[in-house]
Amino acid sequence: METSTEDAQQCDGSAVVPRDEPDVPAGVPAIPPASLSPSRASDFMRCPLLYRFRVIDRLPEKPTEAATRGTLVHAVLERLFDAPAAERTAPRAKALIPAQWDRLRESRPEILELFADDPEGERLSRWLAEAEALVERWFTLEDPSRLEPAERELFVEAELESGLVLRGIIDRVDVAPTGEVRIVDYKTGRAPRPEYAEDALFQMKFYALVVWRLKGVVPRRLQLVYLGSGEVLTYDPVPADLQRVERKLLALWEAIRRATETGDWRPRPTKLCGWCDHQALCPEFGGTPPPYPLPVRAAGSGGPQQGRMGPD
């Protein structure tokens, strides 16, 4: 079956377990959103109600094999650069997988349930072999012995003139001797079809905008490395591109602000609803969202009141 861009992103886990959002301890009271990351921006564009469930209600979601594999592969590719250049080989990278898997299980005990019904470990072995194949494919796309990243897993945050705070985590930043900057992101899914390339580049242009606002430098190149299909997508941004992204994000943030104040978070059905953990709470599937945990202001009203979103 042919896989669309959205399907690939979902299977890649990038839309399920965002790597650019900090963990929020259970029991912490809900607060209005104060910043925007690429994954949260994508959530709102995909489905405002999903954004509410993830950002305001902070509803738990089950881990997936695809998302967890992506996290594991990212960790291996990051750690490989700890080794001297000559030792950054495919066998060395694959040898890192067991230790990184152990670390992942220790830091996120919830992922143990992924293979709870696999007492013989056969499915886990296949899953780890798939991770190995993705790591090995990377060596056909880039040569880590010739790379010396300036940054890995770099957290970035910038406040725009409007007051909007943008944040995220960049997989890799390369800086040429001439000072040119390249932003690199690894994807464990397949590359999008050409008509969906712009959607795929949204995250990268977001990062480029943050770097531009922080450093005053427009990155020379944005590079998406698709390990699932063995392809590399590149784009060279110009200031006009990033200005358009900034205007889009400001409009998006205004829509999020209005929804936060009114409690009006509309579901937006798509083919990705089948992967959503929150169907039981979604009006599109006959469910009712939980009581809205923030004060709401009715349209045309000046004062807040407590309310909930759901069918009348």
Protein backbone atom coordinates (compact mmCIF):
# COMPACT_ATOMS: atom_id res chain seq x y z
CA MET A 1 0.00 0.00 0.00
CA GLU A 2 1.30 3.44 -0.90
CA THR A 3 2.20 5.62 2.07
CA SER A 4 1.34 9.31 2.09
CA THR A 5 3.48 11.98 3.70
CA GLU A 6 1.17 12.26 6.66
CA ASP A 7 1.12 8.49 7.06
CA ALA A 8 4.91 8.42 6.94
CA GLN A 9 5.19 11.16 9.53
CA GLN A 10 2.80 9.29 11.78
CA CYS A 11 4.62 6.01 11.37
CA ASP A 12 7.91 7.82 11.95
CA GLY A 13 6.57 8.86 15.32
CA SER A 14 7.44 12.51 14.86
CA ALA A 15 3.82 13.48 15.29
CA VAL A 16 3.28 11.13 18.20
CA VAL A 17 6.13 11.62 20.61
CA PRO A 18 7.54 15.10 20.05
CA ARG A 19 11.22 15.38 20.89
CA ASP A 20 11.02 19.18 21.24
CA GLU A 21 8.70 19.22 24.24
CA PRO A 22 9.76 18.75 27.89
CA ASP A 23 8.04 16.12 30.03
CA VAL A 24 5.45 17.59 32.39
CA PRO A 25 5.06 15.75 35.71
CA ALA A 26 1.65 14.24 36.39
CA GLY A 27 -0.60 16.32 38.60
CA VAL A 28 0.78 19.71 37.55
CA PRO A 29 -2.16 22.12 37.07
CA ALA A 30 -3.04 23.08 33.51
CA ILE A 31 -1.73 26.43 32.32
CA PRO A 32 -2.26 28.34 29.07
CA PRO A 33 0.33 27.51 26.40
CA ALA A 34 3.32 29.86 26.51
CA SER A 35 5.47 28.74 23.58
CA LEU A 36 5.29 26.98 20.25
CA SER A 37 7.38 24.11 18.91
CA PRO A 38 7.27 22.52 15.44
CA SER A 39 5.42 19.45 16.70
CA ARG A 40 2.82 21.50 18.57
CA ALA A 41 2.32 23.80 15.59
CA SER A 42 1.77 20.73 13.44
CA ASP A 43 -0.67 19.33 16.01
CA PHE A 44 -2.82 22.45 15.86
CA MET A 45 -2.78 22.57 12.07
CA ARG A 46 -3.73 18.90 11.94
CA CYS A 47 -6.46 19.04 14.62
CA PRO A 48 -7.04 21.81 17.21
CA LEU A 49 -8.68 19.33 19.59
CA LEU A 50 -5.61 17.10 19.46
CA TYR A 51 -3.51 20.14 20.39
CA ARG A 52 -5.78 20.74 23.39
CA PHE A 53 -5.56 17.12 24.52
CA ARG A 54 -1.76 17.16 24.34
CA VAL A 55 -0.89 20.67 25.54
CA ILE A 56 -3.66 21.66 27.95
CA ASP A 57 -5.19 18.39 29.17
CA ARG A 58 -1.84 16.56 28.90
CA LEU A 59 -3.58 13.27 28.27
CA PRO A 60 -1.30 10.23 28.28
CA GLU A 61 -0.59 8.44 25.01
CA LYS A 62 0.63 4.92 24.46
CA PRO A 63 4.14 4.49 23.09
CA THR A 64 4.43 3.01 19.60
CA GLU A 65 7.08 0.78 18.12
CA ALA A 66 7.74 3.25 15.29
CA ALA A 67 8.16 6.27 17.55
CA THR A 68 10.34 4.37 20.02
CA ARG A 69 12.52 3.04 17.20
CA GLY A 70 12.96 6.60 15.98
CA THR A 71 14.05 7.72 19.44
CA LEU A 72 16.53 4.84 19.65
CA VAL A 73 18.05 5.53 16.23
CA HIS A 74 18.41 9.24 17.02
CA ALA A 75 20.25 8.39 20.23
CA VAL A 76 22.66 6.07 18.39
CA LEU A 77 23.46 8.64 15.69
CA GLU A 78 24.05 11.31 18.31
CA ARG A 79 26.35 9.13 20.43
CA LEU A 80 28.40 7.92 17.46
CA PHE A 81 29.98 11.37 17.17
CA ASP A 82 31.54 10.85 20.61
CA ALA A 83 33.99 8.50 18.88
CA PRO A 84 37.03 9.68 16.92
CA ALA A 85 36.29 10.26 13.24
CA ALA A 86 38.10 7.14 12.04
CA GLU A 87 36.02 4.94 14.37
CA ARG A 88 32.63 6.17 13.17
CA THR A 89 31.79 3.04 11.24
CA ALA A 90 28.58 1.13 10.67
CA PRO A 91 29.62 -1.77 12.93
CA ARG A 92 30.52 0.70 15.69
CA ALA A 93 27.14 2.42 15.31
CA LYS A 94 25.18 -0.84 15.41
CA ALA A 95 27.14 -1.90 18.48
CA LEU A 96 25.76 1.14 20.30
CA ILE A 97 22.16 -0.05 19.94
CA PRO A 98 21.96 -2.43 22.95
CA ALA A 99 23.29 0.12 25.43
CA GLN A 100 21.07 2.89 24.06
CA TRP A 101 18.07 0.57 24.22
CA ASP A 102 18.86 -0.15 27.87
CA ARG A 103 19.09 3.57 28.61
CA LEU A 104 15.82 4.21 26.85
CA ARG A 105 14.02 1.53 28.85
CA GLU A 106 15.41 2.92 32.10
CA SER A 107 14.39 6.51 31.32
CA ARG A 108 10.96 5.61 29.91
CA PRO A 109 9.63 2.52 31.70
CA GLU A 110 6.32 2.84 29.87
CA ILE A 111 7.89 1.52 26.67
CA LEU A 112 8.33 -1.89 28.29
CA GLU A 113 4.67 -2.54 27.53
CA LEU A 114 5.47 -2.52 23.82
CA PHE A 115 6.88 -6.03 24.05
CA ALA A 116 5.00 -7.28 27.10
CA ASP A 117 3.27 -9.91 24.94
CA ASP A 118 6.55 -11.10 23.43
CA PRO A 119 7.94 -13.50 26.08
CA GLU A 120 10.32 -15.22 23.65
CA GLY A 121 11.68 -11.90 22.41
CA GLU A 122 11.10 -12.70 18.73
CA ARG A 123 9.26 -9.48 17.94
CA LEU A 124 11.80 -7.45 19.91
CA SER A 125 14.63 -9.07 17.93
CA ARG A 126 12.97 -8.11 14.64
CA TRP A 127 12.36 -4.59 15.91
CA LEU A 128 16.02 -4.18 16.92
CA ALA A 129 17.10 -5.56 13.54
CA GLU A 130 14.96 -2.90 11.85
CA ALA A 131 16.72 -0.25 13.95
CA GLU A 132 20.08 -1.69 12.87
CA ALA A 133 19.04 -1.49 9.22
CA LEU A 134 18.10 2.18 9.60
CA VAL A 135 21.41 2.97 11.27
CA GLU A 136 23.34 1.12 8.58
CA ARG A 137 21.46 2.93 5.81
CA TRP A 138 22.61 6.26 7.19
CA PHE A 139 26.16 5.40 6.09
CA THR A 140 24.99 5.29 2.47
CA LEU A 141 23.69 8.86 2.80
CA GLU A 142 26.36 10.60 4.88
CA ASP A 143 29.93 9.89 5.92
CA PRO A 144 30.26 10.64 9.65
CA SER A 145 34.04 10.31 9.47
CA ARG A 146 34.04 13.54 7.43
CA LEU A 147 31.65 15.42 9.72
CA GLU A 148 32.34 17.33 12.92
CA PRO A 149 28.98 18.68 14.08
CA ALA A 150 29.03 22.01 15.86
CA GLU A 151 25.98 20.92 17.86
CA ARG A 152 23.96 17.78 18.46
CA GLU A 153 20.48 17.64 19.98
CA LEU A 154 20.62 21.42 20.31
CA PHE A 155 17.80 23.06 22.25
CA VAL A 156 16.96 26.45 20.77
CA GLU A 157 14.53 29.10 21.94
CA ALA A 158 13.84 32.59 20.64
CA GLU A 159 11.28 35.27 21.45
CA LEU A 160 9.90 37.16 18.48
CA GLU A 161 9.13 40.87 18.58
CA SER A 162 5.46 39.94 19.05
CA GLY A 163 6.33 38.11 22.28
CA LEU A 164 5.77 34.65 20.80
CA VAL A 165 8.38 32.19 22.07
CA LEU A 166 9.56 29.55 19.60
CA ARG A 167 11.45 26.50 20.79
CA GLY A 168 12.71 23.17 19.53
CA ILE A 169 15.51 20.62 19.45
CA ILE A 170 17.69 20.39 16.33
CA ASP A 171 19.24 16.99 15.63
CA ARG A 172 22.48 18.35 14.21
CA VAL A 173 24.06 21.67 13.30
CA ASP A 174 27.05 21.72 10.97
CA VAL A 175 29.15 24.86 10.54
CA ALA A 176 31.52 25.16 7.58
CA PRO A 177 34.97 26.78 7.98
CA THR A 178 33.49 29.76 6.11
CA GLY A 179 30.77 30.09 8.73
CA GLU A 180 27.86 28.72 6.70
CA VAL A 181 25.31 26.83 8.79
CA ARG A 182 23.55 23.60 7.86
CA ILE A 183 20.64 22.26 9.91
CA VAL A 184 20.18 18.48 9.71
CA ASP A 185 17.24 16.37 10.88
CA TYR A 186 17.01 12.57 10.81
CA LYS A 187 13.73 10.89 9.90
CA THR A 188 13.23 7.15 10.28
CA GLY A 189 10.25 7.17 7.92
CA ARG A 190 10.16 7.43 4.15
CA ALA A 191 10.70 10.61 2.14
CA PRO A 192 7.52 12.43 1.05
CA ARG A 193 6.24 12.61 -2.46
CA PRO A 194 7.24 15.86 -4.20
CA GLU A 195 3.81 17.45 -3.74
CA TYR A 196 4.19 17.09 0.03
CA ALA A 197 7.78 18.35 0.27
CA GLU A 198 6.71 21.78 1.52
CA ASP A 199 4.87 20.23 4.47
CA ALA A 200 7.94 18.17 5.30
CA LEU A 201 10.14 21.29 5.28
CA PHE A 202 7.91 23.22 7.69
CA GLN A 203 9.79 21.91 10.73
CA MET A 204 13.14 22.80 9.19
CA LYS A 205 12.07 26.32 8.24
CA PHE A 206 10.79 26.72 11.81
CA TYR A 207 14.27 25.86 13.11
CA ALA A 208 15.89 28.13 10.55
CA LEU A 209 13.70 31.01 11.70
CA VAL A 210 14.71 30.44 15.33
CA VAL A 211 18.41 30.35 14.41
CA TRP A 212 18.00 33.51 12.32
CA ARG A 213 16.31 35.37 15.15
CA LEU A 214 18.89 34.14 17.66
CA LYS A 215 22.10 34.55 15.66
CA GLY A 216 21.15 36.91 12.85
CA VAL A 217 22.30 34.27 10.35
CA VAL A 218 20.08 32.51 7.81
CA PRO A 219 21.17 28.85 7.61
CA ARG A 220 22.72 28.06 4.26
CA ARG A 221 21.05 24.66 3.96
CA LEU A 222 18.24 22.63 5.53
CA GLN A 223 18.68 18.88 5.19
CA LEU A 224 16.25 16.07 5.95
CA VAL A 225 17.82 12.61 6.01
CA TYR A 226 15.19 9.90 5.44
CA LEU A 227 16.56 6.62 6.71
CA GLY A 228 13.41 4.70 5.85
CA SER A 229 13.81 5.21 2.11
CA GLY A 230 17.47 6.20 1.86
CA GLU A 231 16.86 9.70 0.51
CA VAL A 232 18.01 13.20 1.40
CA LEU A 233 15.81 16.26 0.96
CA THR A 234 17.60 19.63 0.96
CA TYR A 235 16.44 23.22 0.79
CA ASP A 236 18.36 26.48 0.81
CA PRO A 237 16.25 29.12 2.55
CA VAL A 238 16.29 32.88 1.99
CA PRO A 239 15.03 35.59 4.38
CA ALA A 240 11.72 35.91 2.49
CA ASP A 241 11.00 32.21 3.20
CA LEU A 242 11.54 32.65 6.90
CA GLN A 243 9.51 35.84 7.02
CA ARG A 244 6.58 33.92 5.52
CA VAL A 245 7.00 31.20 8.14
CA GLU A 246 7.04 33.84 10.87
CA ARG A 247 3.78 35.35 9.61
CA LYS A 248 2.22 31.90 9.47
CA LEU A 249 3.29 31.13 13.03
CA LEU A 250 1.96 34.46 14.32
CA ALA A 251 -1.44 33.74 12.74
CA LEU A 252 -1.35 30.22 14.15
CA TRP A 253 -0.51 31.49 17.62
CA GLU A 254 -3.39 33.98 17.47
CA ALA A 255 -5.77 31.11 16.66
CA ILE A 256 -4.35 29.11 19.58
CA ARG A 257 -4.78 32.10 21.89
CA ARG A 258 -8.43 32.51 20.90
CA ALA A 259 -9.13 28.81 21.37
CA THR A 260 -7.41 28.88 24.78
CA GLU A 261 -9.53 31.81 25.96
CA THR A 262 -12.86 30.49 24.67
CA GLY A 263 -12.31 26.77 25.19
CA ASP A 264 -13.44 26.23 21.60
CA TRP A 265 -11.18 23.49 20.24
CA ARG A 266 -12.68 21.98 17.10
CA PRO A 267 -11.81 18.48 15.96
CA ARG A 268 -10.62 18.18 12.37
CA PRO A 269 -11.16 14.65 11.05
CA THR A 270 -8.49 13.21 8.75
CA LYS A 271 -7.28 9.75 7.79
CA LEU A 272 -4.84 10.00 10.71
CA CYS A 273 -7.71 9.76 13.21
CA GLY A 274 -7.23 6.00 13.10
CA TRP A 275 -3.90 6.41 14.92
CA CYS A 276 -5.20 8.81 17.57
CA ASP A 277 -5.26 7.63 21.19
CA HIS A 278 -8.14 9.96 22.04
CA GLN A 279 -11.02 8.75 19.90
CA ALA A 280 -13.07 7.87 22.99
CA LEU A 281 -13.01 11.56 23.98
CA CYS A 282 -13.54 13.02 20.52
CA PRO A 283 -17.00 14.29 19.43
CA GLU A 284 -16.31 12.99 15.92
CA PHE A 285 -16.43 9.47 17.38
CA GLY A 286 -19.29 10.05 19.80
CA GLY A 287 -17.09 10.98 22.73
CA THR A 288 -17.04 13.94 25.09
CA PRO A 289 -13.82 15.79 25.99
CA PRO A 290 -12.97 16.06 29.68
CA PRO A 291 -13.97 19.25 31.55
CA TYR A 292 -11.91 22.15 30.25
CA PRO A 293 -9.33 22.91 32.97
CA LEU A 294 -8.85 26.61 32.17
CA PRO A 295 -11.17 29.61 32.64
CA VAL A 296 -13.02 30.49 29.45
CA ARG A 297 -14.36 33.74 28.07
CA ALA A 298 -17.49 33.68 25.96
CA ALA A 299 -17.36 35.54 22.65
CA GLY A 300 -18.02 39.21 23.30
CA SER A 301 -17.61 38.75 27.05
CA GLY A 302 -14.96 40.52 29.05
CA GLY A 303 -14.80 38.23 32.04
CA PRO A 304 -13.58 34.65 32.43
CA GLN A 305 -15.83 31.81 33.45
CA GLN A 306 -15.34 28.13 34.03
CA GLY A 307 -16.62 25.92 31.24
CA ARG A 308 -16.15 22.83 29.17
CA MET A 309 -16.08 21.91 25.54
CA GLY A 310 -18.44 19.21 24.36
CA PRO A 311 -21.75 18.56 22.72
CA ASP A 312 -24.75 20.50 24.01
